[in-house]
Amino acid sequence: MATDPNVEYVVRQMRDAIIDTDLKLLTLLNQRVTLVRRLRDYKTSQGIPFVDPERERWMHSYLQGANRGPVSPDGLDRIYDAVLDLTKRETGAGDPAA
């Protein structure tokens, strides 16, 4: 089945925009992990616990207030929980050897 060249062009353009956005997300996630690792190292050197559940709750609330969609509140919570979990794993949170 032959596809309309205009349709193929639009799909390609949208896919290119999506991958560009994904690359930006990847850059920002790597930047976040780097910053959190620096914070973990500093807090550890000062004898301050790394994980701060109160701060995590505040950040969830703050991001919910900043969200203008189309990501749903539940979707935002899921994404942010995944980001926090990833960041903790990547920075060795809770791992005394890290």
N, C-alpha and C. Protein backbone atom coordinates (compact mmCIF):
# COMPACT_ATOMS: atom_id res chain seq x y z
N MET A 1 0.85 -1.18 0.00
CA MET A 1 0.00 0.00 0.00
C MET A 1 0.89 1.25 0.00
N ALA A 2 0.75 2.08 -0.97
CA ALA A 2 1.54 3.31 -1.10
C ALA A 2 1.04 4.35 -0.11
N THR A 3 1.98 5.03 0.49
CA THR A 3 1.64 6.07 1.47
C THR A 3 1.83 7.43 0.82
N ASP A 4 0.97 8.33 1.18
CA ASP A 4 1.06 9.71 0.70
C ASP A 4 2.39 10.30 1.16
N PRO A 5 3.21 10.84 0.25
CA PRO A 5 4.51 11.41 0.64
C PRO A 5 4.38 12.53 1.67
N ASN A 6 3.29 13.27 1.63
CA ASN A 6 3.08 14.34 2.61
C ASN A 6 2.89 13.76 4.01
N VAL A 7 2.17 12.64 4.08
CA VAL A 7 1.96 11.98 5.37
C VAL A 7 3.30 11.48 5.91
N GLU A 8 4.09 10.83 5.05
CA GLU A 8 5.40 10.34 5.47
C GLU A 8 6.29 11.48 5.96
N TYR A 9 6.23 12.61 5.28
CA TYR A 9 7.03 13.77 5.67
C TYR A 9 6.62 14.27 7.05
N VAL A 10 5.33 14.40 7.27
CA VAL A 10 4.84 14.88 8.57
C VAL A 10 5.23 13.92 9.68
N VAL A 11 5.05 12.62 9.43
CA VAL A 11 5.42 11.63 10.45
C VAL A 11 6.91 11.72 10.75
N ARG A 12 7.74 11.83 9.72
CA ARG A 12 9.19 11.92 9.92
C ARG A 12 9.55 13.17 10.72
N GLN A 13 8.92 14.30 10.40
CA GLN A 13 9.19 15.55 11.11
C GLN A 13 8.79 15.43 12.58
N MET A 14 7.64 14.80 12.84
CA MET A 14 7.20 14.65 14.23
C MET A 14 8.12 13.70 14.99
N ARG A 15 8.54 12.63 14.34
CA ARG A 15 9.47 11.69 14.99
C ARG A 15 10.80 12.35 15.27
N ASP A 16 11.28 13.17 14.34
CA ASP A 16 12.52 13.90 14.58
C ASP A 16 12.39 14.84 15.78
N ALA A 17 11.26 15.52 15.89
CA ALA A 17 11.04 16.41 17.02
C ALA A 17 10.98 15.63 18.33
N ILE A 18 10.39 14.44 18.28
CA ILE A 18 10.30 13.61 19.48
C ILE A 18 11.68 13.15 19.92
N ILE A 19 12.50 12.67 18.99
CA ILE A 19 13.84 12.20 19.38
C ILE A 19 14.69 13.37 19.87
N ASP A 20 14.52 14.54 19.28
CA ASP A 20 15.24 15.72 19.78
C ASP A 20 14.86 16.00 21.23
N THR A 21 13.57 15.89 21.52
CA THR A 21 13.09 16.10 22.89
C THR A 21 13.63 15.02 23.82
N ASP A 22 13.65 13.77 23.34
CA ASP A 22 14.20 12.68 24.15
C ASP A 22 15.67 12.90 24.46
N LEU A 23 16.42 13.41 23.50
CA LEU A 23 17.84 13.70 23.74
C LEU A 23 18.00 14.81 24.78
N LYS A 24 17.12 15.80 24.75
CA LYS A 24 17.15 16.85 25.77
C LYS A 24 16.83 16.28 27.15
N LEU A 25 15.84 15.40 27.21
CA LEU A 25 15.51 14.75 28.48
C LEU A 25 16.71 13.96 29.01
N LEU A 26 17.37 13.23 28.13
CA LEU A 26 18.54 12.46 28.53
C LEU A 26 19.64 13.36 29.09
N THR A 27 19.89 14.46 28.41
CA THR A 27 20.89 15.42 28.88
C THR A 27 20.52 15.94 30.27
N LEU A 28 19.26 16.28 30.46
CA LEU A 28 18.81 16.80 31.75
C LEU A 28 18.86 15.74 32.84
N LEU A 29 18.51 14.50 32.52
CA LEU A 29 18.61 13.43 33.52
C LEU A 29 20.05 13.22 33.94
N ASN A 30 20.97 13.23 32.99
CA ASN A 30 22.39 13.08 33.33
C ASN A 30 22.87 14.25 34.17
N GLN A 31 22.42 15.45 33.84
CA GLN A 31 22.77 16.63 34.64
C GLN A 31 22.23 16.50 36.05
N ARG A 32 21.00 16.02 36.19
CA ARG A 32 20.39 15.85 37.51
C ARG A 32 21.19 14.85 38.35
N VAL A 33 21.55 13.72 37.74
CA VAL A 33 22.33 12.71 38.47
C VAL A 33 23.66 13.29 38.92
N THR A 34 24.31 14.04 38.07
CA THR A 34 25.59 14.66 38.42
C THR A 34 25.42 15.62 39.60
N LEU A 35 24.39 16.45 39.56
CA LEU A 35 24.15 17.41 40.65
C LEU A 35 23.80 16.69 41.95
N VAL A 36 22.97 15.68 41.86
CA VAL A 36 22.58 14.95 43.08
C VAL A 36 23.79 14.20 43.65
N ARG A 37 24.64 13.67 42.79
CA ARG A 37 25.85 13.01 43.28
C ARG A 37 26.73 13.99 44.05
N ARG A 38 26.85 15.21 43.53
CA ARG A 38 27.64 16.24 44.23
C ARG A 38 27.00 16.57 45.58
N LEU A 39 25.67 16.69 45.60
CA LEU A 39 24.97 16.97 46.85
C LEU A 39 25.15 15.83 47.83
N ARG A 40 25.03 14.58 47.34
CA ARG A 40 25.23 13.43 48.22
C ARG A 40 26.62 13.44 48.83
N ASP A 41 27.63 13.70 48.01
CA ASP A 41 29.00 13.73 48.51
C ASP A 41 29.17 14.81 49.57
N TYR A 42 28.61 15.98 49.32
CA TYR A 42 28.73 17.07 50.28
C TYR A 42 27.99 16.72 51.58
N LYS A 43 26.76 16.25 51.46
CA LYS A 43 26.00 15.91 52.67
C LYS A 43 26.70 14.83 53.47
N THR A 44 27.26 13.85 52.77
CA THR A 44 27.99 12.77 53.45
C THR A 44 29.18 13.33 54.22
N SER A 45 29.90 14.26 53.59
CA SER A 45 31.07 14.84 54.25
C SER A 45 30.69 15.67 55.47
N GLN A 46 29.46 16.14 55.50
CA GLN A 46 28.98 16.95 56.62
C GLN A 46 28.18 16.13 57.64
N GLY A 47 28.05 14.84 57.39
CA GLY A 47 27.31 13.97 58.30
C GLY A 47 25.80 14.16 58.22
N ILE A 48 25.31 14.65 57.10
CA ILE A 48 23.88 14.89 56.90
C ILE A 48 23.30 13.71 56.13
N PRO A 49 22.15 13.19 56.59
CA PRO A 49 21.52 12.09 55.83
C PRO A 49 21.23 12.53 54.40
N PHE A 50 21.48 11.61 53.46
CA PHE A 50 21.30 11.95 52.05
C PHE A 50 19.83 12.07 51.68
N VAL A 51 19.05 11.04 51.98
CA VAL A 51 17.64 11.05 51.59
C VAL A 51 16.85 11.89 52.58
N ASP A 52 16.01 12.78 52.05
CA ASP A 52 15.20 13.69 52.86
C ASP A 52 13.74 13.55 52.40
N PRO A 53 12.98 12.66 53.05
CA PRO A 53 11.60 12.42 52.63
C PRO A 53 10.73 13.69 52.63
N GLU A 54 10.97 14.59 53.58
CA GLU A 54 10.21 15.84 53.62
C GLU A 54 10.48 16.67 52.37
N ARG A 55 11.73 16.74 51.96
CA ARG A 55 12.09 17.48 50.75
C ARG A 55 11.46 16.83 49.52
N GLU A 56 11.44 15.51 49.47
CA GLU A 56 10.82 14.81 48.35
C GLU A 56 9.32 15.12 48.27
N ARG A 57 8.65 15.14 49.42
CA ARG A 57 7.22 15.49 49.42
C ARG A 57 7.01 16.92 48.95
N TRP A 58 7.88 17.82 49.42
CA TRP A 58 7.77 19.22 48.99
C TRP A 58 7.96 19.34 47.48
N MET A 59 8.96 18.62 46.94
CA MET A 59 9.23 18.70 45.51
C MET A 59 8.06 18.15 44.69
N HIS A 60 7.44 17.08 45.15
CA HIS A 60 6.24 16.57 44.48
C HIS A 60 5.17 17.65 44.43
N SER A 61 4.92 18.26 45.56
CA SER A 61 3.90 19.31 45.66
C SER A 61 4.24 20.50 44.78
N TYR A 62 5.49 20.91 44.80
CA TYR A 62 5.94 22.06 44.01
C TYR A 62 5.76 21.78 42.52
N LEU A 63 6.17 20.60 42.09
CA LEU A 63 6.04 20.25 40.67
C LEU A 63 4.58 20.14 40.26
N GLN A 64 3.73 19.63 41.14
CA GLN A 64 2.30 19.57 40.83
C GLN A 64 1.76 20.98 40.60
N GLY A 65 2.18 21.92 41.42
CA GLY A 65 1.73 23.30 41.27
C GLY A 65 2.26 23.95 40.00
N ALA A 66 3.44 23.53 39.55
CA ALA A 66 4.04 24.10 38.35
C ALA A 66 3.54 23.45 37.06
N ASN A 67 2.95 22.27 37.18
CA ASN A 67 2.52 21.52 36.00
C ASN A 67 1.32 22.18 35.34
N ARG A 68 1.46 22.45 34.06
CA ARG A 68 0.36 23.04 33.28
C ARG A 68 -0.15 22.06 32.23
N GLY A 69 0.28 20.80 32.34
CA GLY A 69 -0.21 19.77 31.44
C GLY A 69 0.47 19.79 30.09
N PRO A 70 0.20 18.81 29.30
CA PRO A 70 -0.90 17.85 29.41
C PRO A 70 -0.60 16.65 30.30
N VAL A 71 0.55 16.60 30.96
CA VAL A 71 0.82 15.49 31.87
C VAL A 71 -0.15 15.57 33.04
N SER A 72 -0.82 14.46 33.32
CA SER A 72 -1.79 14.41 34.42
C SER A 72 -1.06 14.44 35.76
N PRO A 73 -1.76 14.82 36.84
CA PRO A 73 -1.14 14.79 38.16
C PRO A 73 -0.60 13.39 38.51
N ASP A 74 -1.38 12.35 38.20
CA ASP A 74 -0.91 11.00 38.47
C ASP A 74 0.30 10.66 37.62
N GLY A 75 0.28 11.06 36.35
CA GLY A 75 1.42 10.82 35.47
C GLY A 75 2.67 11.51 35.98
N LEU A 76 2.51 12.75 36.44
CA LEU A 76 3.65 13.49 36.98
C LEU A 76 4.21 12.79 38.21
N ASP A 77 3.34 12.34 39.10
CA ASP A 77 3.82 11.62 40.29
C ASP A 77 4.60 10.37 39.89
N ARG A 78 4.10 9.64 38.91
CA ARG A 78 4.79 8.42 38.46
C ARG A 78 6.15 8.74 37.85
N ILE A 79 6.19 9.76 37.01
CA ILE A 79 7.45 10.15 36.38
C ILE A 79 8.45 10.60 37.44
N TYR A 80 8.00 11.45 38.36
CA TYR A 80 8.92 11.98 39.36
C TYR A 80 9.39 10.89 40.31
N ASP A 81 8.49 9.96 40.68
CA ASP A 81 8.91 8.82 41.51
C ASP A 81 10.00 8.03 40.80
N ALA A 82 9.83 7.82 39.48
CA ALA A 82 10.83 7.08 38.72
C ALA A 82 12.15 7.85 38.66
N VAL A 83 12.09 9.16 38.50
CA VAL A 83 13.30 9.98 38.47
C VAL A 83 14.01 9.91 39.82
N LEU A 84 13.27 10.03 40.90
CA LEU A 84 13.88 9.94 42.22
C LEU A 84 14.52 8.57 42.44
N ASP A 85 13.81 7.51 42.06
CA ASP A 85 14.34 6.16 42.22
C ASP A 85 15.61 5.97 41.39
N LEU A 86 15.57 6.40 40.14
CA LEU A 86 16.74 6.31 39.27
C LEU A 86 17.92 7.09 39.86
N THR A 87 17.65 8.30 40.30
CA THR A 87 18.71 9.15 40.84
C THR A 87 19.36 8.51 42.06
N LYS A 88 18.54 7.95 42.94
CA LYS A 88 19.07 7.29 44.13
C LYS A 88 19.93 6.09 43.75
N ARG A 89 19.46 5.29 42.79
CA ARG A 89 20.24 4.13 42.36
C ARG A 89 21.55 4.56 41.70
N GLU A 90 21.49 5.55 40.85
CA GLU A 90 22.68 6.00 40.11
C GLU A 90 23.70 6.70 40.98
N THR A 91 23.26 7.25 42.10
CA THR A 91 24.19 7.96 42.97
C THR A 91 24.58 7.14 44.19
N GLY A 92 24.11 5.91 44.26
CA GLY A 92 24.50 5.03 45.35
C GLY A 92 23.84 5.36 46.67
N ALA A 93 22.68 6.00 46.64
CA ALA A 93 21.98 6.33 47.89
C ALA A 93 21.67 5.04 48.64
N GLY A 94 22.01 5.04 49.92
CA GLY A 94 21.75 3.88 50.75
C GLY A 94 22.83 2.81 50.63
N ASP A 95 23.79 3.01 49.75
CA ASP A 95 24.88 2.07 49.58
C ASP A 95 26.11 2.64 50.27
N PRO A 96 26.47 2.11 51.42
CA PRO A 96 27.60 2.67 52.16
C PRO A 96 28.92 2.65 51.38
N ALA A 97 29.02 1.74 50.40
CA ALA A 97 30.26 1.65 49.63
C ALA A 97 30.33 2.71 48.53
N ALA A 98 29.21 3.36 48.25
CA ALA A 98 29.18 4.35 47.15
C ALA A 98 29.81 5.65 47.57
